[in-house]
Amino acid sequence: MNNNLLFNTPSWMFVIALAIPALYILRKNYSSLIAVTIVSLSAVAISGINLAILTERYKDYSYLIPTSKIFNFSFIKSILKLLGLYGNTLIALPFLCDVADKKKIKRFILIALLIVIQINVVGVIGVISTYGERMNYLVYPKLTQTQLINYFDFIQFGELYVLLQMVIGWTIKFTIV
């Protein structure tokens, strides 16, 4: 974050911004961690939905039409890499011993994975439909996509949504891990 978004911000500011809230949450009990996680992830989901609605006018879904040779080795390799991104779900394994009702755990894990997959698919489709092949050359395509938002020369705060998602996501990640 220091190298890409906030160039002149010293590193110790990020430690204060992420570690102190995480330590405060952890000093409380286990239920406070769950409550903060649920509220934070709900805020991230709501901001993602608002962001998808605000960027809808800038999307061209003809960019999603496949090219002539879509099923080649590179396509299969990229699909396998995308599936490998879900390997971080193993982080939850140490917490399974604290689950009281283990009969329903498979259903809840499946629901959570479907939500995560849906968020990723909608995000990737949104970026591809906005930029097409140009998205390969952008460092943060989602952040760049939000800079397009302009309604009535008044609503121009799309970056706020992405920064909110990033900061809350990192805080929850470092608090849980």
N, C-alpha and C. Protein backbone atom coordinates (compact mmCIF):
# COMPACT_ATOMS: atom_id res chain seq x y z
N MET A 1 0.84 -1.18 0.00
CA MET A 1 0.00 0.00 0.00
C MET A 1 0.88 1.25 0.00
N ASN A 2 1.98 1.22 0.75
CA ASN A 2 2.87 2.37 0.81
C ASN A 2 3.53 2.62 -0.54
N ASN A 3 3.85 1.58 -1.27
CA ASN A 3 4.56 1.75 -2.54
C ASN A 3 3.64 2.16 -3.68
N ASN A 4 2.37 1.83 -3.61
CA ASN A 4 1.49 2.02 -4.76
C ASN A 4 0.43 3.12 -4.60
N LEU A 5 -0.10 3.28 -3.42
CA LEU A 5 -1.21 4.22 -3.27
C LEU A 5 -0.83 5.51 -2.55
N LEU A 6 -0.24 5.39 -1.41
CA LEU A 6 0.05 6.55 -0.58
C LEU A 6 1.57 6.72 -0.49
N PHE A 7 2.14 7.39 -1.48
CA PHE A 7 3.59 7.43 -1.66
C PHE A 7 4.32 8.11 -0.52
N ASN A 8 3.83 9.20 -0.02
CA ASN A 8 4.56 9.97 0.99
C ASN A 8 4.20 9.60 2.42
N THR A 9 3.43 8.57 2.61
CA THR A 9 3.02 8.17 3.95
C THR A 9 4.07 7.24 4.54
N PRO A 10 4.55 7.54 5.76
CA PRO A 10 5.54 6.64 6.36
C PRO A 10 4.93 5.30 6.76
N SER A 11 5.77 4.27 6.80
CA SER A 11 5.28 2.91 7.07
C SER A 11 4.68 2.78 8.46
N TRP A 12 5.18 3.53 9.43
CA TRP A 12 4.66 3.40 10.79
C TRP A 12 3.20 3.86 10.88
N MET A 13 2.76 4.69 9.94
CA MET A 13 1.35 5.09 9.94
C MET A 13 0.44 3.91 9.62
N PHE A 14 0.91 3.02 8.72
CA PHE A 14 0.12 1.84 8.38
C PHE A 14 0.08 0.86 9.56
N VAL A 15 1.18 0.78 10.30
CA VAL A 15 1.21 -0.09 11.48
C VAL A 15 0.20 0.40 12.50
N ILE A 16 0.15 1.70 12.72
CA ILE A 16 -0.82 2.26 13.67
C ILE A 16 -2.24 2.05 13.16
N ALA A 17 -2.45 2.30 11.86
CA ALA A 17 -3.80 2.21 11.31
C ALA A 17 -4.34 0.79 11.29
N LEU A 18 -3.46 -0.21 11.19
CA LEU A 18 -3.93 -1.59 11.12
C LEU A 18 -3.73 -2.36 12.42
N ALA A 19 -2.61 -2.17 13.08
CA ALA A 19 -2.29 -2.99 14.25
C ALA A 19 -3.07 -2.58 15.50
N ILE A 20 -3.22 -1.30 15.73
CA ILE A 20 -3.91 -0.86 16.95
C ILE A 20 -5.37 -1.29 16.95
N PRO A 21 -6.14 -1.09 15.88
CA PRO A 21 -7.51 -1.61 15.91
C PRO A 21 -7.56 -3.14 16.02
N ALA A 22 -6.62 -3.82 15.36
CA ALA A 22 -6.59 -5.28 15.44
C ALA A 22 -6.30 -5.74 16.85
N LEU A 23 -5.35 -5.10 17.52
CA LEU A 23 -5.04 -5.48 18.90
C LEU A 23 -6.20 -5.17 19.84
N TYR A 24 -6.88 -4.06 19.61
CA TYR A 24 -8.04 -3.73 20.44
C TYR A 24 -9.14 -4.78 20.29
N ILE A 25 -9.39 -5.19 19.06
CA ILE A 25 -10.42 -6.21 18.83
C ILE A 25 -10.01 -7.52 19.49
N LEU A 26 -8.74 -7.89 19.37
CA LEU A 26 -8.28 -9.16 19.92
C LEU A 26 -8.25 -9.15 21.46
N ARG A 27 -8.08 -7.99 22.07
CA ARG A 27 -8.07 -7.91 23.53
C ARG A 27 -9.45 -8.19 24.11
N LYS A 28 -10.46 -7.95 23.31
CA LYS A 28 -11.81 -8.29 23.75
C LYS A 28 -11.98 -9.80 23.60
N ASN A 29 -13.18 -10.27 23.57
CA ASN A 29 -13.39 -11.72 23.49
C ASN A 29 -13.61 -12.17 22.05
N TYR A 30 -13.83 -13.45 21.89
CA TYR A 30 -13.98 -14.08 20.58
C TYR A 30 -15.22 -13.57 19.86
N SER A 31 -16.28 -13.28 20.59
CA SER A 31 -17.51 -12.82 19.96
C SER A 31 -17.35 -11.41 19.38
N SER A 32 -16.50 -10.58 19.98
CA SER A 32 -16.27 -9.25 19.41
C SER A 32 -15.56 -9.35 18.07
N LEU A 33 -14.65 -10.31 17.93
CA LEU A 33 -13.97 -10.53 16.66
C LEU A 33 -14.97 -10.94 15.58
N ILE A 34 -15.89 -11.82 15.93
CA ILE A 34 -16.91 -12.26 14.98
C ILE A 34 -17.84 -11.11 14.61
N ALA A 35 -18.23 -10.32 15.58
CA ALA A 35 -19.14 -9.19 15.31
C ALA A 35 -18.47 -8.15 14.42
N VAL A 36 -17.23 -7.81 14.71
CA VAL A 36 -16.52 -6.83 13.89
C VAL A 36 -16.32 -7.36 12.48
N THR A 37 -16.02 -8.65 12.35
CA THR A 37 -15.83 -9.25 11.03
C THR A 37 -17.12 -9.21 10.22
N ILE A 38 -18.24 -9.56 10.84
CA ILE A 38 -19.53 -9.57 10.12
C ILE A 38 -19.92 -8.16 9.70
N VAL A 39 -19.78 -7.18 10.59
CA VAL A 39 -20.14 -5.81 10.25
C VAL A 39 -19.22 -5.26 9.16
N SER A 40 -17.93 -5.54 9.27
CA SER A 40 -16.97 -5.03 8.28
C SER A 40 -17.19 -5.65 6.91
N LEU A 41 -17.40 -6.96 6.88
CA LEU A 41 -17.63 -7.60 5.59
C LEU A 41 -18.97 -7.19 4.99
N SER A 42 -19.95 -6.88 5.82
CA SER A 42 -21.21 -6.35 5.29
C SER A 42 -21.00 -4.97 4.67
N ALA A 43 -20.18 -4.14 5.31
CA ALA A 43 -19.89 -2.81 4.75
C ALA A 43 -19.13 -2.94 3.43
N VAL A 44 -18.22 -3.89 3.35
CA VAL A 44 -17.48 -4.11 2.10
C VAL A 44 -18.43 -4.59 1.00
N ALA A 45 -19.36 -5.47 1.35
CA ALA A 45 -20.32 -5.97 0.35
C ALA A 45 -21.24 -4.86 -0.14
N ILE A 46 -21.71 -4.03 0.76
CA ILE A 46 -22.59 -2.92 0.37
C ILE A 46 -21.85 -1.92 -0.51
N SER A 47 -20.59 -1.64 -0.17
CA SER A 47 -19.82 -0.70 -1.00
C SER A 47 -19.53 -1.32 -2.37
N GLY A 48 -19.32 -2.63 -2.43
CA GLY A 48 -19.13 -3.29 -3.72
C GLY A 48 -20.36 -3.24 -4.59
N ILE A 49 -21.53 -3.41 -3.98
CA ILE A 49 -22.79 -3.31 -4.74
C ILE A 49 -22.99 -1.89 -5.24
N ASN A 50 -22.75 -0.89 -4.39
CA ASN A 50 -22.87 0.51 -4.83
C ASN A 50 -21.89 0.82 -5.95
N LEU A 51 -20.69 0.30 -5.84
CA LEU A 51 -19.68 0.54 -6.86
C LEU A 51 -20.07 -0.10 -8.20
N ALA A 52 -20.64 -1.30 -8.15
CA ALA A 52 -21.10 -1.95 -9.38
C ALA A 52 -22.23 -1.16 -10.03
N ILE A 53 -23.10 -0.60 -9.24
CA ILE A 53 -24.21 0.20 -9.78
C ILE A 53 -23.69 1.51 -10.37
N LEU A 54 -22.77 2.17 -9.70
CA LEU A 54 -22.26 3.45 -10.17
C LEU A 54 -21.40 3.33 -11.43
N THR A 55 -20.73 2.20 -11.61
CA THR A 55 -19.88 2.03 -12.79
C THR A 55 -20.60 1.36 -13.95
N GLU A 56 -21.87 1.10 -13.82
CA GLU A 56 -22.61 0.38 -14.86
C GLU A 56 -22.64 1.14 -16.19
N ARG A 57 -22.74 2.44 -16.15
CA ARG A 57 -22.86 3.20 -17.39
C ARG A 57 -21.56 3.19 -18.21
N TYR A 58 -20.44 2.83 -17.60
CA TYR A 58 -19.15 2.83 -18.29
C TYR A 58 -18.76 1.45 -18.83
N LYS A 59 -19.62 0.48 -18.69
CA LYS A 59 -19.30 -0.89 -19.10
C LYS A 59 -19.82 -1.18 -20.51
N ASP A 60 -19.02 -1.92 -21.25
CA ASP A 60 -19.39 -2.38 -22.59
C ASP A 60 -19.21 -3.89 -22.59
N TYR A 61 -20.32 -4.61 -22.53
CA TYR A 61 -20.26 -6.06 -22.38
C TYR A 61 -19.83 -6.80 -23.65
N SER A 62 -19.63 -6.06 -24.72
CA SER A 62 -19.12 -6.73 -25.93
C SER A 62 -17.66 -7.13 -25.75
N TYR A 63 -16.96 -6.56 -24.76
CA TYR A 63 -15.59 -6.97 -24.47
C TYR A 63 -15.52 -8.40 -23.92
N LEU A 64 -16.64 -8.93 -23.46
CA LEU A 64 -16.66 -10.27 -22.88
C LEU A 64 -16.78 -11.38 -23.92
N ILE A 65 -17.07 -11.00 -25.16
CA ILE A 65 -17.22 -12.01 -26.21
C ILE A 65 -15.86 -12.65 -26.45
N PRO A 66 -15.80 -13.97 -26.43
CA PRO A 66 -14.49 -14.63 -26.54
C PRO A 66 -13.88 -14.49 -27.93
N THR A 67 -12.57 -14.62 -27.96
CA THR A 67 -11.87 -14.60 -29.24
C THR A 67 -11.96 -15.96 -29.90
N SER A 68 -11.36 -16.13 -31.06
CA SER A 68 -11.56 -17.35 -31.85
C SER A 68 -10.98 -18.59 -31.18
N LYS A 69 -9.82 -18.50 -30.58
CA LYS A 69 -9.18 -19.68 -29.97
C LYS A 69 -9.14 -19.50 -28.45
N ILE A 70 -10.25 -19.72 -27.80
CA ILE A 70 -10.30 -19.48 -26.36
C ILE A 70 -9.77 -20.68 -25.57
N PHE A 71 -10.03 -21.87 -26.01
CA PHE A 71 -9.62 -23.04 -25.24
C PHE A 71 -8.23 -23.49 -25.68
N ASN A 72 -7.21 -22.79 -25.21
CA ASN A 72 -5.84 -23.19 -25.46
C ASN A 72 -5.14 -23.40 -24.13
N PHE A 73 -3.85 -23.67 -24.17
CA PHE A 73 -3.10 -23.98 -22.95
C PHE A 73 -3.08 -22.79 -21.99
N SER A 74 -2.95 -21.58 -22.50
CA SER A 74 -2.91 -20.39 -21.64
C SER A 74 -4.22 -20.19 -20.89
N PHE A 75 -5.34 -20.47 -21.55
CA PHE A 75 -6.64 -20.33 -20.90
C PHE A 75 -6.79 -21.33 -19.76
N ILE A 76 -6.41 -22.58 -20.00
CA ILE A 76 -6.51 -23.61 -18.96
C ILE A 76 -5.56 -23.28 -17.81
N LYS A 77 -4.38 -22.79 -18.13
CA LYS A 77 -3.41 -22.41 -17.10
C LYS A 77 -3.95 -21.26 -16.23
N SER A 78 -4.59 -20.28 -16.85
CA SER A 78 -5.14 -19.16 -16.09
C SER A 78 -6.31 -19.60 -15.22
N ILE A 79 -7.14 -20.53 -15.70
CA ILE A 79 -8.24 -21.04 -14.89
C ILE A 79 -7.70 -21.78 -13.66
N LEU A 80 -6.65 -22.57 -13.84
CA LEU A 80 -6.06 -23.28 -12.71
C LEU A 80 -5.44 -22.31 -11.70
N LYS A 81 -4.84 -21.23 -12.18
CA LYS A 81 -4.30 -20.22 -11.27
C LYS A 81 -5.42 -19.52 -10.51
N LEU A 82 -6.53 -19.23 -11.19
CA LEU A 82 -7.66 -18.60 -10.50
C LEU A 82 -8.24 -19.51 -9.43
N LEU A 83 -8.31 -20.81 -9.71
CA LEU A 83 -8.80 -21.75 -8.70
C LEU A 83 -7.82 -21.84 -7.53
N GLY A 84 -6.54 -21.68 -7.80
CA GLY A 84 -5.54 -21.71 -6.74
C GLY A 84 -5.66 -20.54 -5.78
N LEU A 85 -6.29 -19.46 -6.21
CA LEU A 85 -6.48 -18.31 -5.34
C LEU A 85 -7.40 -18.62 -4.16
N TYR A 86 -8.21 -19.66 -4.29
CA TYR A 86 -9.11 -20.00 -3.21
C TYR A 86 -8.45 -20.91 -2.18
N GLY A 87 -7.14 -21.12 -2.29
CA GLY A 87 -6.41 -21.93 -1.32
C GLY A 87 -6.35 -21.29 0.06
N ASN A 88 -6.59 -19.97 0.13
CA ASN A 88 -6.56 -19.31 1.44
C ASN A 88 -7.74 -19.69 2.32
N THR A 89 -8.67 -20.48 1.79
CA THR A 89 -9.79 -20.93 2.63
C THR A 89 -9.32 -21.90 3.70
N LEU A 90 -8.10 -22.43 3.55
CA LEU A 90 -7.55 -23.33 4.56
C LEU A 90 -7.21 -22.59 5.85
N ILE A 91 -7.20 -21.26 5.82
CA ILE A 91 -6.94 -20.48 7.03
C ILE A 91 -7.99 -20.78 8.08
N ALA A 92 -9.20 -21.13 7.67
CA ALA A 92 -10.30 -21.36 8.60
C ALA A 92 -10.22 -22.71 9.30
N LEU A 93 -9.36 -23.61 8.87
CA LEU A 93 -9.31 -24.95 9.47
C LEU A 93 -9.02 -24.96 10.97
N PRO A 94 -8.10 -24.14 11.51
CA PRO A 94 -7.90 -24.16 12.96
C PRO A 94 -9.12 -23.74 13.78
N PHE A 95 -10.02 -22.99 13.17
CA PHE A 95 -11.21 -22.53 13.89
C PHE A 95 -12.33 -23.57 13.90
N LEU A 96 -12.20 -24.63 13.14
CA LEU A 96 -13.27 -25.63 13.06
C LEU A 96 -13.45 -26.38 14.37
N CYS A 97 -12.40 -26.44 15.21
CA CYS A 97 -12.55 -27.14 16.48
C CYS A 97 -13.48 -26.38 17.43
N ASP A 98 -13.68 -25.07 17.20
CA ASP A 98 -14.56 -24.26 18.05
C ASP A 98 -16.02 -24.30 17.61
N VAL A 99 -16.31 -24.97 16.50
CA VAL A 99 -17.68 -25.03 15.99
C VAL A 99 -18.47 -26.04 16.80
N ALA A 100 -19.62 -25.60 17.30
CA ALA A 100 -20.43 -26.48 18.14
C ALA A 100 -21.22 -27.49 17.31
N ASP A 101 -21.85 -27.04 16.24
CA ASP A 101 -22.68 -27.91 15.40
C ASP A 101 -21.93 -28.20 14.10
N LYS A 102 -21.24 -29.32 14.06
CA LYS A 102 -20.41 -29.64 12.91
C LYS A 102 -21.19 -30.29 11.78
N LYS A 103 -22.47 -30.55 11.98
CA LYS A 103 -23.26 -31.17 10.92
C LYS A 103 -23.59 -30.18 9.80
N LYS A 104 -23.75 -28.91 10.15
CA LYS A 104 -24.13 -27.91 9.17
C LYS A 104 -22.94 -27.15 8.60
N ILE A 105 -21.73 -27.52 9.00
CA ILE A 105 -20.55 -26.73 8.60
C ILE A 105 -20.30 -26.78 7.11
N LYS A 106 -20.56 -27.90 6.47
CA LYS A 106 -20.33 -28.01 5.03
C LYS A 106 -21.23 -27.05 4.26
N ARG A 107 -22.47 -26.92 4.70
CA ARG A 107 -23.41 -26.02 4.03
C ARG A 107 -22.96 -24.57 4.17
N PHE A 108 -22.52 -24.17 5.37
CA PHE A 108 -22.10 -22.80 5.58
C PHE A 108 -20.81 -22.48 4.83
N ILE A 109 -19.89 -23.44 4.77
CA ILE A 109 -18.66 -23.24 4.00
C ILE A 109 -18.99 -23.10 2.52
N LEU A 110 -19.91 -23.89 2.03
CA LEU A 110 -20.31 -23.80 0.63
C LEU A 110 -20.96 -22.45 0.33
N ILE A 111 -21.80 -21.99 1.23
CA ILE A 111 -22.44 -20.68 1.04
C ILE A 111 -21.39 -19.57 1.03
N ALA A 112 -20.44 -19.63 1.96
CA ALA A 112 -19.38 -18.61 2.02
C ALA A 112 -18.53 -18.63 0.76
N LEU A 113 -18.17 -19.82 0.28
CA LEU A 113 -17.37 -19.91 -0.94
C LEU A 113 -18.15 -19.39 -2.15
N LEU A 114 -19.43 -19.67 -2.21
CA LEU A 114 -20.24 -19.15 -3.32
C LEU A 114 -20.32 -17.63 -3.30
N ILE A 115 -20.39 -17.04 -2.12
CA ILE A 115 -20.40 -15.58 -2.01
C ILE A 115 -19.07 -15.00 -2.48
N VAL A 116 -17.96 -15.61 -2.04
CA VAL A 116 -16.64 -15.13 -2.44
C VAL A 116 -16.44 -15.27 -3.95
N ILE A 117 -16.84 -16.40 -4.49
CA ILE A 117 -16.69 -16.62 -5.94
C ILE A 117 -17.55 -15.63 -6.71
N GLN A 118 -18.75 -15.37 -6.24
CA GLN A 118 -19.63 -14.42 -6.91
C GLN A 118 -19.02 -13.02 -6.89
N ILE A 119 -18.44 -12.61 -5.78
CA ILE A 119 -17.80 -11.29 -5.69
C ILE A 119 -16.65 -11.19 -6.68
N ASN A 120 -15.83 -12.24 -6.76
CA ASN A 120 -14.69 -12.21 -7.68
C ASN A 120 -15.14 -12.20 -9.13
N VAL A 121 -16.13 -13.01 -9.47
CA VAL A 121 -16.60 -13.08 -10.86
C VAL A 121 -17.22 -11.75 -11.28
N VAL A 122 -18.04 -11.16 -10.44
CA VAL A 122 -18.66 -9.87 -10.77
C VAL A 122 -17.58 -8.79 -10.90
N GLY A 123 -16.58 -8.81 -10.03
CA GLY A 123 -15.50 -7.82 -10.12
C GLY A 123 -14.69 -7.95 -11.39
N VAL A 124 -14.33 -9.17 -11.76
CA VAL A 124 -13.55 -9.39 -12.97
C VAL A 124 -14.36 -9.04 -14.21
N ILE A 125 -15.63 -9.44 -14.24
CA ILE A 125 -16.49 -9.09 -15.38
C ILE A 125 -16.64 -7.58 -15.50
N GLY A 126 -16.76 -6.90 -14.37
CA GLY A 126 -16.88 -5.44 -14.40
C GLY A 126 -15.65 -4.76 -14.96
N VAL A 127 -14.47 -5.22 -14.55
CA VAL A 127 -13.24 -4.60 -15.04
C VAL A 127 -13.02 -4.92 -16.51
N ILE A 128 -13.27 -6.17 -16.91
CA ILE A 128 -13.10 -6.54 -18.32
C ILE A 128 -14.08 -5.77 -19.20
N SER A 129 -15.32 -5.63 -18.75
CA SER A 129 -16.30 -4.93 -19.56
C SER A 129 -16.05 -3.42 -19.59
N THR A 130 -15.27 -2.90 -18.69
CA THR A 130 -14.93 -1.49 -18.72
C THR A 130 -13.73 -1.22 -19.63
N TYR A 131 -12.70 -2.04 -19.52
CA TYR A 131 -11.45 -1.74 -20.22
C TYR A 131 -11.10 -2.70 -21.36
N GLY A 132 -11.65 -3.87 -21.39
CA GLY A 132 -11.27 -4.84 -22.41
C GLY A 132 -9.84 -5.32 -22.17
N GLU A 133 -9.07 -5.40 -23.23
CA GLU A 133 -7.69 -5.87 -23.10
C GLU A 133 -6.76 -4.84 -22.47
N ARG A 134 -7.18 -3.60 -22.41
CA ARG A 134 -6.35 -2.56 -21.79
C ARG A 134 -6.16 -2.79 -20.31
N MET A 135 -7.02 -3.61 -19.68
CA MET A 135 -6.89 -3.83 -18.24
C MET A 135 -5.61 -4.55 -17.87
N ASN A 136 -4.98 -5.23 -18.84
CA ASN A 136 -3.73 -5.94 -18.56
C ASN A 136 -2.60 -4.98 -18.22
N TYR A 137 -2.70 -3.74 -18.61
CA TYR A 137 -1.62 -2.78 -18.43
C TYR A 137 -1.86 -1.84 -17.25
N LEU A 138 -2.96 -2.03 -16.54
CA LEU A 138 -3.27 -1.17 -15.39
C LEU A 138 -2.80 -1.82 -14.10
N VAL A 139 -2.27 -1.02 -13.19
CA VAL A 139 -1.78 -1.55 -11.92
C VAL A 139 -2.94 -1.92 -11.01
N TYR A 140 -3.84 -1.00 -10.78
CA TYR A 140 -5.03 -1.25 -9.99
C TYR A 140 -6.25 -0.94 -10.87
N PRO A 141 -6.69 -1.90 -11.68
CA PRO A 141 -7.79 -1.59 -12.62
C PRO A 141 -9.09 -1.23 -11.92
N LYS A 142 -9.36 -1.81 -10.77
CA LYS A 142 -10.60 -1.50 -10.06
C LYS A 142 -10.58 -0.06 -9.55
N LEU A 143 -9.44 0.38 -9.06
CA LEU A 143 -9.32 1.76 -8.59
C LEU A 143 -9.41 2.73 -9.76
N THR A 144 -8.79 2.38 -10.88
CA THR A 144 -8.88 3.23 -12.06
C THR A 144 -10.31 3.28 -12.60
N GLN A 145 -11.01 2.17 -12.50
CA GLN A 145 -12.40 2.11 -12.95
C GLN A 145 -13.27 3.07 -12.14
N THR A 146 -13.00 3.18 -10.87
CA THR A 146 -13.83 4.05 -10.02
C THR A 146 -13.56 5.52 -10.27
N GLN A 147 -12.44 5.85 -10.89
CA GLN A 147 -12.16 7.25 -11.20
C GLN A 147 -13.01 7.75 -12.35
N LEU A 148 -13.67 6.85 -13.08
CA LEU A 148 -14.55 7.25 -14.17
C LEU A 148 -15.89 7.79 -13.68
N ILE A 149 -16.26 7.46 -12.45
CA ILE A 149 -17.59 7.79 -11.95
C ILE A 149 -17.78 9.31 -11.91
N ASN A 150 -18.83 9.77 -12.58
CA ASN A 150 -19.17 11.19 -12.59
C ASN A 150 -20.66 11.30 -12.90
N TYR A 151 -21.45 11.63 -11.91
CA TYR A 151 -22.88 11.82 -12.08
C TYR A 151 -23.23 13.25 -11.66
N PHE A 152 -23.81 13.99 -12.56
CA PHE A 152 -24.29 15.35 -12.31
C PHE A 152 -23.18 16.29 -11.85
N ASP A 153 -21.94 15.99 -12.19
CA ASP A 153 -20.77 16.76 -11.72
C ASP A 153 -20.76 16.90 -10.20
N PHE A 154 -21.34 15.93 -9.53
CA PHE A 154 -21.42 15.98 -8.07
C PHE A 154 -20.88 14.70 -7.43
N ILE A 155 -21.34 13.55 -7.90
CA ILE A 155 -20.93 12.28 -7.32
C ILE A 155 -19.66 11.82 -8.02
N GLN A 156 -18.52 11.98 -7.35
CA GLN A 156 -17.23 11.60 -7.92
C GLN A 156 -16.36 10.95 -6.85
N PHE A 157 -16.91 10.10 -6.03
CA PHE A 157 -16.15 9.54 -4.93
C PHE A 157 -16.03 8.03 -5.02
N GLY A 158 -15.82 7.51 -6.21
CA GLY A 158 -15.69 6.07 -6.37
C GLY A 158 -14.45 5.50 -5.71
N GLU A 159 -13.37 6.30 -5.64
CA GLU A 159 -12.14 5.83 -5.00
C GLU A 159 -12.37 5.52 -3.53
N LEU A 160 -13.30 6.25 -2.92
CA LEU A 160 -13.60 6.03 -1.51
C LEU A 160 -14.08 4.60 -1.27
N TYR A 161 -14.88 4.07 -2.20
CA TYR A 161 -15.38 2.71 -2.05
C TYR A 161 -14.24 1.69 -2.10
N VAL A 162 -13.32 1.86 -3.05
CA VAL A 162 -12.23 0.90 -3.18
C VAL A 162 -11.27 1.00 -2.00
N LEU A 163 -10.97 2.21 -1.57
CA LEU A 163 -10.09 2.36 -0.40
C LEU A 163 -10.75 1.79 0.85
N LEU A 164 -12.06 1.98 0.99
CA LEU A 164 -12.79 1.39 2.11
C LEU A 164 -12.68 -0.13 2.07
N GLN A 165 -12.87 -0.72 0.89
CA GLN A 165 -12.79 -2.16 0.76
C GLN A 165 -11.39 -2.66 1.08
N MET A 166 -10.37 -1.97 0.61
CA MET A 166 -8.99 -2.41 0.84
C MET A 166 -8.60 -2.31 2.31
N VAL A 167 -8.88 -1.18 2.92
CA VAL A 167 -8.46 -0.97 4.31
C VAL A 167 -9.22 -1.90 5.25
N ILE A 168 -10.53 -2.01 5.08
CA ILE A 168 -11.30 -2.91 5.94
C ILE A 168 -10.89 -4.36 5.69
N GLY A 169 -10.67 -4.71 4.43
CA GLY A 169 -10.25 -6.07 4.12
C GLY A 169 -8.91 -6.42 4.75
N TRP A 170 -7.95 -5.50 4.66
CA TRP A 170 -6.64 -5.76 5.27
C TRP A 170 -6.72 -5.81 6.78
N THR A 171 -7.53 -4.93 7.37
CA THR A 171 -7.65 -4.94 8.83
C THR A 171 -8.25 -6.26 9.31
N ILE A 172 -9.29 -6.72 8.66
CA ILE A 172 -9.90 -8.00 9.05
C ILE A 172 -8.94 -9.14 8.79
N LYS A 173 -8.23 -9.09 7.69
CA LYS A 173 -7.28 -10.17 7.37
C LYS A 173 -6.20 -10.25 8.45
N PHE A 174 -5.61 -9.13 8.83
CA PHE A 174 -4.55 -9.16 9.82
C PHE A 174 -5.07 -9.42 11.22
N THR A 175 -6.33 -9.08 11.48
CA THR A 175 -6.90 -9.39 12.78
C THR A 175 -7.17 -10.87 12.93
N ILE A 176 -7.72 -11.49 11.90
CA ILE A 176 -8.05 -12.92 11.98
C ILE A 176 -6.81 -13.77 11.92
N VAL A 177 -5.90 -13.44 11.03
CA VAL A 177 -4.68 -14.26 10.88
C VAL A 177 -3.77 -13.96 12.02
